[in-house]
């Protein structure tokens, strides 16, 4: 999986940062999968500076209904339709997302020429297709807000073909069934359990993408043990009280959560527009004092999971 940051600014865009949007390329070997997390104003413009096409996006996950995470959605939906794209699209988000989509399309005289489904979510699993599952966790923000935990299903272990041949089982159709862990009966009457010839499963990748939040009880469950955690760091540690009063986190709070959750890597984003390049360097330094495996996202940065 690979993350592409399309917007990393909090509240308003700056000359170098657009407002929040994150693209997730699943990079699945046999199927598509391009997911968008939040869609701030100008997201479709940001996409024009990448190799990704809006028509390839098949799922959009909205964390909350504040404008800097949402106001780019109507334009993206309409442009996708005007391009003649027929691929279905599903939007997930808090209560009110369906009304927002339907109202903006109706009042602007717009429509979509592709199948569009809008699903209003609550805490718990919101999606599972056998390859990936997504859970939503409630966060601490002035409006209903969620973070998403994306988990790749574990992959079956490799089949030990050499051991099978040593036991007199030659390559053929049975190998596929044994690869699936099935029990098969050979022509000579022997019963072979595929599980006995499989290496341990390969753990799937795990990713946590937080919406805006002050520290909250569900954060550890959302982030626990993930390979990559994406979390806001709107303000510096000295302004922690102000950040929390507005439903946001400081640099050190994001880093402490990463440490306590045992994540592999922390990517901080959603940076206040008050910070210039030097200010952002200071934010990153504060995070790394607590959790060294940290990066501060820039627009168009790509991060492998």
C-alpha atoms as a PDB file:
ATOM      1  CA  UNK A   1       0.000   0.000   0.000  1.00  0.00           C
ATOM      2  CA  UNK A   2       1.092   3.563  -0.590  1.00  0.00           C
ATOM      3  CA  UNK A   3      -0.147   6.867   0.807  1.00  0.00           C
ATOM      4  CA  UNK A   4      -0.119  10.030  -1.294  1.00  0.00           C
ATOM      5  CA  UNK A   5      -0.745  13.241   0.652  1.00  0.00           C
ATOM      6  CA  UNK A   6      -2.800  15.657  -1.443  1.00  0.00           C
ATOM      7  CA  UNK A   7      -3.313  18.223   1.325  1.00  0.00           C
ATOM      8  CA  UNK A   8      -1.635  18.713   4.703  1.00  0.00           C
ATOM      9  CA  UNK A   9      -2.796  22.091   6.023  1.00  0.00           C
ATOM     10  CA  UNK A  10      -5.250  22.641   8.869  1.00  0.00           C
ATOM     11  CA  UNK A  11      -8.301  24.824   8.305  1.00  0.00           C
ATOM     12  CA  UNK A  12      -7.156  26.888   5.334  1.00  0.00           C
ATOM     13  CA  UNK A  13      -4.754  26.347   2.444  1.00  0.00           C
ATOM     14  CA  UNK A  14      -1.347  28.008   2.305  1.00  0.00           C
ATOM     15  CA  UNK A  15       0.964  28.733  -0.607  1.00  0.00           C
ATOM     16  CA  UNK A  16       2.601  25.317  -0.186  1.00  0.00           C
ATOM     17  CA  UNK A  17      -0.090  23.225   1.511  1.00  0.00           C
ATOM     18  CA  UNK A  18      -3.649  22.471   0.484  1.00  0.00           C
ATOM     19  CA  UNK A  19      -6.308  21.395   2.956  1.00  0.00           C
ATOM     20  CA  UNK A  20      -6.758  17.778   3.956  1.00  0.00           C
ATOM     21  CA  UNK A  21      -6.939  14.876   1.517  1.00  0.00           C
ATOM     22  CA  UNK A  22      -5.016  11.609   1.487  1.00  0.00           C
ATOM     23  CA  UNK A  23      -4.977   9.065  -1.319  1.00  0.00           C
ATOM     24  CA  UNK A  24      -4.383   5.383  -0.583  1.00  0.00           C
ATOM     25  CA  UNK A  25      -3.206   3.165  -3.440  1.00  0.00           C
ATOM     26  CA  UNK A  26      -3.796  -0.419  -2.337  1.00  0.00           C
ATOM     27  CA  UNK A  27      -1.414  -1.726  -5.007  1.00  0.00           C
ATOM     28  CA  UNK A  28      -3.210  -5.066  -4.979  1.00  0.00           C
ATOM     29  CA  UNK A  29      -1.715  -7.428  -7.559  1.00  0.00           C
ATOM     30  CA  UNK A  30      -5.012  -8.657  -9.037  1.00  0.00           C
ATOM     31  CA  UNK A  31      -7.569  -5.913  -8.376  1.00  0.00           C
ATOM     32  CA  UNK A  32      -7.826  -2.159  -8.362  1.00  0.00           C
ATOM     33  CA  UNK A  33      -8.134  -0.063  -5.306  1.00  0.00           C
ATOM     34  CA  UNK A  34      -7.732   3.686  -4.990  1.00  0.00           C
ATOM     35  CA  UNK A  35      -9.249   5.159  -1.845  1.00  0.00           C
ATOM     36  CA  UNK A  36      -9.504   8.796  -0.810  1.00  0.00           C
ATOM     37  CA  UNK A  37      -9.584   9.902   2.814  1.00  0.00           C
ATOM     38  CA  UNK A  38     -11.198  13.331   3.158  1.00  0.00           C
ATOM     39  CA  UNK A  39     -11.638  15.740   0.289  1.00  0.00           C
ATOM     40  CA  UNK A  40     -10.849  19.326   1.177  1.00  0.00           C
ATOM     41  CA  UNK A  41     -11.361  22.197  -1.235  1.00  0.00           C
ATOM     42  CA  UNK A  42      -9.129  21.878  -4.283  1.00  0.00           C
ATOM     43  CA  UNK A  43      -8.525  18.154  -3.997  1.00  0.00           C
ATOM     44  CA  UNK A  44      -9.297  17.565  -7.673  1.00  0.00           C
ATOM     45  CA  UNK A  45      -6.710  20.243  -8.557  1.00  0.00           C
ATOM     46  CA  UNK A  46      -4.148  18.418  -6.431  1.00  0.00           C
ATOM     47  CA  UNK A  47      -4.908  15.182  -8.246  1.00  0.00           C
ATOM     48  CA  UNK A  48      -4.003  16.876 -11.527  1.00  0.00           C
ATOM     49  CA  UNK A  49      -0.423  17.112 -10.273  1.00  0.00           C
ATOM     50  CA  UNK A  50      -0.220  13.335  -9.779  1.00  0.00           C
ATOM     51  CA  UNK A  51      -0.416  10.316 -12.061  1.00  0.00           C
ATOM     52  CA  UNK A  52      -3.738   9.306 -10.479  1.00  0.00           C
ATOM     53  CA  UNK A  53      -7.106   9.851 -12.168  1.00  0.00           C
ATOM     54  CA  UNK A  54     -10.272  10.672 -10.174  1.00  0.00           C
ATOM     55  CA  UNK A  55     -12.140   8.028 -12.150  1.00  0.00           C
ATOM     56  CA  UNK A  56     -10.003   5.335 -10.551  1.00  0.00           C
ATOM     57  CA  UNK A  57     -11.094   6.317  -7.032  1.00  0.00           C
ATOM     58  CA  UNK A  58     -13.686   3.765  -5.954  1.00  0.00           C
ATOM     59  CA  UNK A  59     -14.094   4.650  -2.253  1.00  0.00           C
ATOM     60  CA  UNK A  60     -14.044   7.939  -0.344  1.00  0.00           C
ATOM     61  CA  UNK A  61     -13.869   7.923   3.452  1.00  0.00           C
ATOM     62  CA  UNK A  62     -14.821  11.217   5.134  1.00  0.00           C
ATOM     63  CA  UNK A  63     -13.686  11.654   8.750  1.00  0.00           C
ATOM     64  CA  UNK A  64     -16.011  14.571   9.597  1.00  0.00           C
ATOM     65  CA  UNK A  65     -18.042  17.322   8.007  1.00  0.00           C
ATOM     66  CA  UNK A  66     -15.832  20.365   8.618  1.00  0.00           C
ATOM     67  CA  UNK A  67     -15.228  22.222   5.384  1.00  0.00           C
ATOM     68  CA  UNK A  68     -11.471  21.757   5.193  1.00  0.00           C
ATOM     69  CA  UNK A  69     -12.114  18.011   4.970  1.00  0.00           C
ATOM     70  CA  UNK A  70     -15.209  18.089   2.763  1.00  0.00           C
ATOM     71  CA  UNK A  71     -15.680  21.109   0.491  1.00  0.00           C
ATOM     72  CA  UNK A  72     -13.813  19.527  -2.419  1.00  0.00           C
ATOM     73  CA  UNK A  73     -16.227  16.620  -2.637  1.00  0.00           C
ATOM     74  CA  UNK A  74     -19.022  18.097  -4.831  1.00  0.00           C
ATOM     75  CA  UNK A  75     -16.560  19.294  -7.461  1.00  0.00           C
ATOM     76  CA  UNK A  76     -14.768  15.968  -7.556  1.00  0.00           C
ATOM     77  CA  UNK A  77     -18.046  14.062  -7.934  1.00  0.00           C
ATOM     78  CA  UNK A  78     -19.208  16.284 -10.797  1.00  0.00           C
ATOM     79  CA  UNK A  79     -15.893  16.327 -12.644  1.00  0.00           C
ATOM     80  CA  UNK A  80     -15.769  12.562 -12.414  1.00  0.00           C
ATOM     81  CA  UNK A  81     -19.190  12.400 -14.089  1.00  0.00           C
ATOM     82  CA  UNK A  82     -18.412  15.030 -16.746  1.00  0.00           C
ATOM     83  CA  UNK A  83     -15.415  12.968 -17.787  1.00  0.00           C
ATOM     84  CA  UNK A  84     -17.808  10.172 -18.739  1.00  0.00           C
ATOM     85  CA  UNK A  85     -16.585   7.852 -16.020  1.00  0.00           C
ATOM     86  CA  UNK A  86     -18.944   4.938 -15.330  1.00  0.00           C
ATOM     87  CA  UNK A  87     -17.055   3.257 -12.485  1.00  0.00           C
ATOM     88  CA  UNK A  88     -19.101   2.971  -9.270  1.00  0.00           C
ATOM     89  CA  UNK A  89     -18.147   5.031  -6.225  1.00  0.00           C
ATOM     90  CA  UNK A  90     -18.967   4.566  -2.544  1.00  0.00           C
ATOM     91  CA  UNK A  91     -18.709   7.355   0.031  1.00  0.00           C
ATOM     92  CA  UNK A  92     -18.470   6.601   3.746  1.00  0.00           C
ATOM     93  CA  UNK A  93     -18.893   9.259   6.401  1.00  0.00           C
ATOM     94  CA  UNK A  94     -20.687  10.452   9.541  1.00  0.00           C
ATOM     95  CA  UNK A  95     -24.374  11.219   9.777  1.00  0.00           C
ATOM     96  CA  UNK A  96     -25.173  14.118   7.466  1.00  0.00           C
ATOM     97  CA  UNK A  97     -22.864  13.111   4.628  1.00  0.00           C
ATOM     98  CA  UNK A  98     -25.760  11.828   2.539  1.00  0.00           C
ATOM     99  CA  UNK A  99     -27.723  15.042   3.013  1.00  0.00           C
ATOM    100  CA  UNK A 100     -24.632  17.075   2.095  1.00  0.00           C
ATOM    101  CA  UNK A 101     -24.044  15.161  -1.128  1.00  0.00           C
ATOM    102  CA  UNK A 102     -27.690  15.097  -2.194  1.00  0.00           C
ATOM    103  CA  UNK A 103     -28.277  18.767  -1.351  1.00  0.00           C
ATOM    104  CA  UNK A 104     -25.210  20.144  -3.108  1.00  0.00           C
ATOM    105  CA  UNK A 105     -25.953  18.120  -6.223  1.00  0.00           C
ATOM    106  CA  UNK A 106     -29.629  19.114  -6.233  1.00  0.00           C
ATOM    107  CA  UNK A 107     -29.144  22.836  -5.590  1.00  0.00           C
ATOM    108  CA  UNK A 108     -26.406  23.095  -8.221  1.00  0.00           C
ATOM    109  CA  UNK A 109     -28.433  21.202 -10.810  1.00  0.00           C
ATOM    110  CA  UNK A 110     -25.763  18.507 -10.925  1.00  0.00           C
ATOM    111  CA  UNK A 111     -25.874  14.735 -11.128  1.00  0.00           C
ATOM    112  CA  UNK A 112     -23.674  11.694 -11.478  1.00  0.00           C
ATOM    113  CA  UNK A 113     -23.726   9.334 -14.438  1.00  0.00           C
ATOM    114  CA  UNK A 114     -22.138   6.517 -12.443  1.00  0.00           C
ATOM    115  CA  UNK A 115     -23.469   4.381  -9.578  1.00  0.00           C
ATOM    116  CA  UNK A 116     -23.007   6.396  -6.366  1.00  0.00           C
ATOM    117  CA  UNK A 117     -23.656   4.967  -2.911  1.00  0.00           C
ATOM    118  CA  UNK A 118     -23.413   7.020   0.281  1.00  0.00           C
ATOM    119  CA  UNK A 119     -23.110   5.117   3.557  1.00  0.00           C
ATOM    120  CA  UNK A 120     -23.448   6.859   6.907  1.00  0.00           C
ATOM    121  CA  UNK A 121     -21.248   5.096   9.423  1.00  0.00           C
ATOM    122  CA  UNK A 122     -21.087   4.455  13.146  1.00  0.00           C
ATOM    123  CA  UNK A 123     -18.373   2.951  15.299  1.00  0.00           C
ATOM    124  CA  UNK A 124     -17.311  -0.521  14.145  1.00  0.00           C
ATOM    125  CA  UNK A 125     -16.542  -2.308  10.928  1.00  0.00           C
ATOM    126  CA  UNK A 126     -17.672  -0.397   7.860  1.00  0.00           C
ATOM    127  CA  UNK A 127     -16.187  -2.529   5.101  1.00  0.00           C
ATOM    128  CA  UNK A 128     -14.705  -5.986   4.463  1.00  0.00           C
ATOM    129  CA  UNK A 129     -14.270  -7.552   1.040  1.00  0.00           C
ATOM    130  CA  UNK A 130     -12.078 -10.488   2.032  1.00  0.00           C
ATOM    131  CA  UNK A 131      -8.892  -8.657   1.058  1.00  0.00           C
ATOM    132  CA  UNK A 132      -9.197  -5.544   3.226  1.00  0.00           C
ATOM    133  CA  UNK A 133     -11.317  -4.475   6.161  1.00  0.00           C
ATOM    134  CA  UNK A 134     -11.947  -1.010   7.537  1.00  0.00           C
ATOM    135  CA  UNK A 135     -13.057  -0.107  11.051  1.00  0.00           C
ATOM    136  CA  UNK A 136     -14.207   3.336  12.210  1.00  0.00           C
ATOM    137  CA  UNK A 137     -13.369   4.664  15.679  1.00  0.00           C
ATOM    138  CA  UNK A 138     -14.941   7.760  17.267  1.00  0.00           C
ATOM    139  CA  UNK A 139     -12.631  10.680  18.012  1.00  0.00           C
ATOM    140  CA  UNK A 140     -12.737  13.807  20.181  1.00  0.00           C
ATOM    141  CA  UNK A 141     -13.746  16.790  18.050  1.00  0.00           C
ATOM    142  CA  UNK A 142     -16.537  19.418  18.174  1.00  0.00           C
ATOM    143  CA  UNK A 143     -18.474  17.542  15.475  1.00  0.00           C
ATOM    144  CA  UNK A 144     -18.921  13.811  14.980  1.00  0.00           C
ATOM    145  CA  UNK A 145     -15.566  12.574  13.755  1.00  0.00           C
ATOM    146  CA  UNK A 146     -13.948   9.214  13.036  1.00  0.00           C
ATOM    147  CA  UNK A 147     -10.587   7.681  12.397  1.00  0.00           C
ATOM    148  CA  UNK A 148     -10.199   4.692  10.078  1.00  0.00           C
ATOM    149  CA  UNK A 149      -8.154   1.562  10.656  1.00  0.00           C
ATOM    150  CA  UNK A 150      -7.368  -0.217   7.396  1.00  0.00           C
ATOM    151  CA  UNK A 151      -6.187  -3.816   7.650  1.00  0.00           C
ATOM    152  CA  UNK A 152      -5.046  -6.106   4.894  1.00  0.00           C
ATOM    153  CA  UNK A 153      -6.143  -9.680   5.517  1.00  0.00           C
ATOM    154  CA  UNK A 154      -3.316 -12.074   6.361  1.00  0.00           C
ATOM    155  CA  UNK A 155      -1.982 -13.868   3.309  1.00  0.00           C
ATOM    156  CA  UNK A 156      -1.714 -17.695   3.330  1.00  0.00           C
ATOM    157  CA  UNK A 157       1.761 -19.073   3.870  1.00  0.00           C
ATOM    158  CA  UNK A 158       3.722 -20.529   0.978  1.00  0.00           C
ATOM    159  CA  UNK A 159       3.077 -24.157   0.048  1.00  0.00           C
ATOM    160  CA  UNK A 160       6.055 -26.452   0.711  1.00  0.00           C
ATOM    161  CA  UNK A 161       6.131 -28.154  -2.686  1.00  0.00           C
ATOM    162  CA  UNK A 162       9.409 -29.920  -1.930  1.00  0.00           C
ATOM    163  CA  UNK A 163       7.941 -31.629   1.128  1.00  0.00           C
ATOM    164  CA  UNK A 164       4.898 -32.706  -0.864  1.00  0.00           C
ATOM    165  CA  UNK A 165       7.048 -34.221  -3.594  1.00  0.00           C
ATOM    166  CA  UNK A 166       9.086 -36.008  -0.924  1.00  0.00           C
ATOM    167  CA  UNK A 167       5.826 -37.509   0.321  1.00  0.00           C
ATOM    168  CA  UNK A 168       4.930 -38.669  -3.168  1.00  0.00           C
ATOM    169  CA  UNK A 169       2.515 -35.894  -4.093  1.00  0.00           C
ATOM    170  CA  UNK A 170       3.359 -34.551  -7.521  1.00  0.00           C
ATOM    171  CA  UNK A 171       2.485 -31.011  -8.746  1.00  0.00           C
ATOM    172  CA  UNK A 172      -0.972 -30.739 -10.229  1.00  0.00           C
ATOM    173  CA  UNK A 173      -4.522 -29.587  -9.487  1.00  0.00           C
ATOM    174  CA  UNK A 174      -4.296 -30.899  -5.912  1.00  0.00           C
ATOM    175  CA  UNK A 175      -1.616 -28.320  -5.132  1.00  0.00           C
ATOM    176  CA  UNK A 176      -4.127 -25.485  -5.455  1.00  0.00           C
ATOM    177  CA  UNK A 177      -6.482 -27.124  -2.989  1.00  0.00           C
ATOM    178  CA  UNK A 178      -3.643 -27.840  -0.576  1.00  0.00           C
ATOM    179  CA  UNK A 179      -2.529 -24.201  -0.916  1.00  0.00           C
ATOM    180  CA  UNK A 180      -5.978 -23.258   0.390  1.00  0.00           C
ATOM    181  CA  UNK A 181      -5.399 -25.485   3.407  1.00  0.00           C
ATOM    182  CA  UNK A 182      -7.910 -28.106   2.339  1.00  0.00           C
ATOM    183  CA  UNK A 183      -7.745 -31.800   3.194  1.00  0.00           C
ATOM    184  CA  UNK A 184      -7.582 -34.067   0.133  1.00  0.00           C
ATOM    185  CA  UNK A 185      -7.616 -37.810  -0.458  1.00  0.00           C
ATOM    186  CA  UNK A 186      -4.955 -39.186  -2.800  1.00  0.00           C
ATOM    187  CA  UNK A 187      -5.454 -41.975  -5.317  1.00  0.00           C
ATOM    188  CA  UNK A 188      -3.648 -44.389  -2.973  1.00  0.00           C
ATOM    189  CA  UNK A 189      -6.108 -43.612  -0.175  1.00  0.00           C
ATOM    190  CA  UNK A 190      -3.847 -41.391   1.907  1.00  0.00           C
ATOM    191  CA  UNK A 191      -5.437 -38.289   3.416  1.00  0.00           C
ATOM    192  CA  UNK A 192      -3.291 -35.140   3.170  1.00  0.00           C
ATOM    193  CA  UNK A 193      -4.008 -31.975   5.156  1.00  0.00           C
ATOM    194  CA  UNK A 194      -2.839 -28.868   3.322  1.00  0.00           C
ATOM    195  CA  UNK A 195      -2.278 -27.051   6.611  1.00  0.00           C
ATOM    196  CA  UNK A 196       0.610 -29.435   7.323  1.00  0.00           C
ATOM    197  CA  UNK A 197       2.483 -28.139   4.267  1.00  0.00           C
ATOM    198  CA  UNK A 198       1.896 -24.404   4.634  1.00  0.00           C
ATOM    199  CA  UNK A 199       4.317 -21.880   6.073  1.00  0.00           C
ATOM    200  CA  UNK A 200       2.875 -19.498   8.700  1.00  0.00           C
ATOM    201  CA  UNK A 201       0.528 -16.865   7.275  1.00  0.00           C
ATOM    202  CA  UNK A 202       2.079 -13.581   6.164  1.00  0.00           C
ATOM    203  CA  UNK A 203       0.600 -10.792   8.296  1.00  0.00           C
ATOM    204  CA  UNK A 204      -1.267  -8.132   6.347  1.00  0.00           C
ATOM    205  CA  UNK A 205      -0.325  -4.473   6.539  1.00  0.00           C
ATOM    206  CA  UNK A 206      -2.156  -2.226   9.002  1.00  0.00           C
ATOM    207  CA  UNK A 207      -2.735   1.488   8.715  1.00  0.00           C
ATOM    208  CA  UNK A 208      -4.483   4.063  10.936  1.00  0.00           C
ATOM    209  CA  UNK A 209      -5.713   7.373   9.516  1.00  0.00           C
ATOM    210  CA  UNK A 210      -6.997   9.774  12.154  1.00  0.00           C
ATOM    211  CA  UNK A 211      -9.418  12.602  11.608  1.00  0.00           C
ATOM    212  CA  UNK A 212      -9.123  15.751  13.713  1.00  0.00           C
ATOM    213  CA  UNK A 213      -8.981  14.915  17.399  1.00  0.00           C
ATOM    214  CA  UNK A 214      -7.844  15.806  20.858  1.00  0.00           C
ATOM    215  CA  UNK A 215      -6.567  12.817  22.883  1.00  0.00           C
ATOM    216  CA  UNK A 216      -9.357  10.284  23.376  1.00  0.00           C
ATOM    217  CA  UNK A 217      -9.936   6.773  24.787  1.00  0.00           C
ATOM    218  CA  UNK A 218     -10.406   5.045  21.412  1.00  0.00           C
ATOM    219  CA  UNK A 219      -7.081   6.255  19.992  1.00  0.00           C
ATOM    220  CA  UNK A 220      -5.070   3.289  21.278  1.00  0.00           C
ATOM    221  CA  UNK A 221      -7.541   0.816  19.816  1.00  0.00           C
ATOM    222  CA  UNK A 222      -7.460   2.618  16.491  1.00  0.00           C
ATOM    223  CA  UNK A 223      -3.664   2.765  16.283  1.00  0.00           C
ATOM    224  CA  UNK A 224      -2.530  -0.288  18.217  1.00  0.00           C
ATOM    225  CA  UNK A 225       0.316  -2.085  16.419  1.00  0.00           C
ATOM    226  CA  UNK A 226      -0.214  -0.533  12.980  1.00  0.00           C
ATOM    227  CA  UNK A 227       2.633  -0.255  10.494  1.00  0.00           C
ATOM    228  CA  UNK A 228       1.876   3.419   9.804  1.00  0.00           C
ATOM    229  CA  UNK A 229      -0.170   5.912  11.804  1.00  0.00           C
ATOM    230  CA  UNK A 230      -1.295   9.205  10.237  1.00  0.00           C
ATOM    231  CA  UNK A 231      -2.193  11.725  12.918  1.00  0.00           C
ATOM    232  CA  UNK A 232      -2.730  15.450  13.109  1.00  0.00           C
ATOM    233  CA  UNK A 233      -0.217  17.718  14.841  1.00  0.00           C
ATOM    234  CA  UNK A 234      -2.000  21.017  14.430  1.00  0.00           C
ATOM    235  CA  UNK A 235      -0.047  22.995  17.021  1.00  0.00           C
ATOM    236  CA  UNK A 236       3.241  22.921  18.913  1.00  0.00           C
ATOM    237  CA  UNK A 237       3.513  21.516  22.432  1.00  0.00           C
ATOM    238  CA  UNK A 238       3.493  24.988  24.026  1.00  0.00           C
ATOM    239  CA  UNK A 239      -0.004  25.523  22.576  1.00  0.00           C
ATOM    240  CA  UNK A 240      -1.365  22.151  23.681  1.00  0.00           C
ATOM    241  CA  UNK A 241      -4.162  23.586  25.802  1.00  0.00           C
ATOM    242  CA  UNK A 242      -5.415  25.703  22.910  1.00  0.00           C
ATOM    243  CA  UNK A 243      -5.206  22.734  20.542  1.00  0.00           C
ATOM    244  CA  UNK A 244      -7.175  20.476  22.865  1.00  0.00           C
ATOM    245  CA  UNK A 245      -9.855  23.110  23.501  1.00  0.00           C
ATOM    246  CA  UNK A 246     -10.604  23.070  19.777  1.00  0.00           C
ATOM    247  CA  UNK A 247     -10.542  19.296  19.373  1.00  0.00           C
ATOM    248  CA  UNK A 248      -6.969  19.057  18.097  1.00  0.00           C
ATOM    249  CA  UNK A 249      -3.677  17.541  19.245  1.00  0.00           C
ATOM    250  CA  UNK A 250      -0.190  18.876  19.771  1.00  0.00           C
ATOM    251  CA  UNK A 251       3.000  17.431  18.337  1.00  0.00           C
ATOM    252  CA  UNK A 252       3.970  15.649  21.536  1.00  0.00           C
ATOM    253  CA  UNK A 253       0.501  14.222  22.076  1.00  0.00           C
ATOM    254  CA  UNK A 254       0.582  12.632  18.617  1.00  0.00           C
ATOM    255  CA  UNK A 255       4.075  11.278  19.267  1.00  0.00           C
ATOM    256  CA  UNK A 256       3.176   9.901  22.706  1.00  0.00           C
ATOM    257  CA  UNK A 257       0.235   8.053  21.198  1.00  0.00           C
ATOM    258  CA  UNK A 258       2.507   6.531  18.541  1.00  0.00           C
ATOM    259  CA  UNK A 259       4.894   5.344  21.238  1.00  0.00           C
ATOM    260  CA  UNK A 260       2.161   3.911  23.457  1.00  0.00           C
ATOM    261  CA  UNK A 261       0.407   2.216  20.522  1.00  0.00           C
ATOM    262  CA  UNK A 262       3.619   0.550  19.321  1.00  0.00           C
ATOM    263  CA  UNK A 263       3.286   1.757  15.739  1.00  0.00           C
ATOM    264  CA  UNK A 264       5.984   1.270  13.133  1.00  0.00           C
ATOM    265  CA  UNK A 265       6.009   4.811  11.757  1.00  0.00           C
ATOM    266  CA  UNK A 266       4.228   8.069  12.557  1.00  0.00           C
ATOM    267  CA  UNK A 267       3.282  10.572   9.851  1.00  0.00           C
ATOM    268  CA  UNK A 268       2.022  13.879  11.217  1.00  0.00           C
ATOM    269  CA  UNK A 269      -0.093  16.217   9.109  1.00  0.00           C
ATOM    270  CA  UNK A 270      -2.865  18.849   9.414  1.00  0.00           C
ATOM    271  CA  UNK A 271      -0.406  21.614  10.291  1.00  0.00           C
ATOM    272  CA  UNK A 272      -1.662  25.049  11.276  1.00  0.00           C
ATOM    273  CA  UNK A 273      -1.125  27.751   8.641  1.00  0.00           C
ATOM    274  CA  UNK A 274       0.816  29.786  11.226  1.00  0.00           C
ATOM    275  CA  UNK A 275       3.892  27.609  10.640  1.00  0.00           C
ATOM    276  CA  UNK A 276       6.369  28.352   7.878  1.00  0.00           C
ATOM    277  CA  UNK A 277       9.154  25.994   6.785  1.00  0.00           C
ATOM    278  CA  UNK A 278      11.241  26.684   9.876  1.00  0.00           C
ATOM    279  CA  UNK A 279       8.190  26.315  12.094  1.00  0.00           C
ATOM    280  CA  UNK A 280       7.403  22.932  10.547  1.00  0.00           C
ATOM    281  CA  UNK A 281      10.960  21.811  11.224  1.00  0.00           C
ATOM    282  CA  UNK A 282      10.408  22.659  14.889  1.00  0.00           C
ATOM    283  CA  UNK A 283       7.148  20.704  14.941  1.00  0.00           C
ATOM    284  CA  UNK A 284       8.904  17.661  13.540  1.00  0.00           C
ATOM    285  CA  UNK A 285      11.735  17.994  16.067  1.00  0.00           C
ATOM    286  CA  UNK A 286       9.207  18.031  18.922  1.00  0.00           C
ATOM    287  CA  UNK A 287       7.646  14.821  17.627  1.00  0.00           C
ATOM    288  CA  UNK A 288      10.987  13.093  17.196  1.00  0.00           C
ATOM    289  CA  UNK A 289      12.015  13.886  20.758  1.00  0.00           C
ATOM    290  CA  UNK A 290       9.239  11.525  21.844  1.00  0.00           C
ATOM    291  CA  UNK A 291       8.977   9.160  18.859  1.00  0.00           C
ATOM    292  CA  UNK A 292      11.983   9.186  16.503  1.00  0.00           C
ATOM    293  CA  UNK A 293      10.336   7.221  13.661  1.00  0.00           C
ATOM    294  CA  UNK A 294       8.320  10.227  12.585  1.00  0.00           C
ATOM    295  CA  UNK A 295       7.910  12.290   9.421  1.00  0.00           C
ATOM    296  CA  UNK A 296       5.948  15.466   8.787  1.00  0.00           C
ATOM    297  CA  UNK A 297       3.936  15.140   5.603  1.00  0.00           C
ATOM    298  CA  UNK A 298       4.292  17.626   2.756  1.00  0.00           C
ATOM    299  CA  UNK A 299       1.821  17.939  -0.096  1.00  0.00           C
ATOM    300  CA  UNK A 300       2.459  15.178  -2.658  1.00  0.00           C
ATOM    301  CA  UNK A 301       4.666  13.188  -0.272  1.00  0.00           C
ATOM    302  CA  UNK A 302       4.411   9.429  -0.806  1.00  0.00           C
ATOM    303  CA  UNK A 303       4.747   6.933   2.031  1.00  0.00           C
ATOM    304  CA  UNK A 304       4.883   3.151   1.623  1.00  0.00           C
ATOM    305  CA  UNK A 305       3.006   1.066   4.171  1.00  0.00           C
END
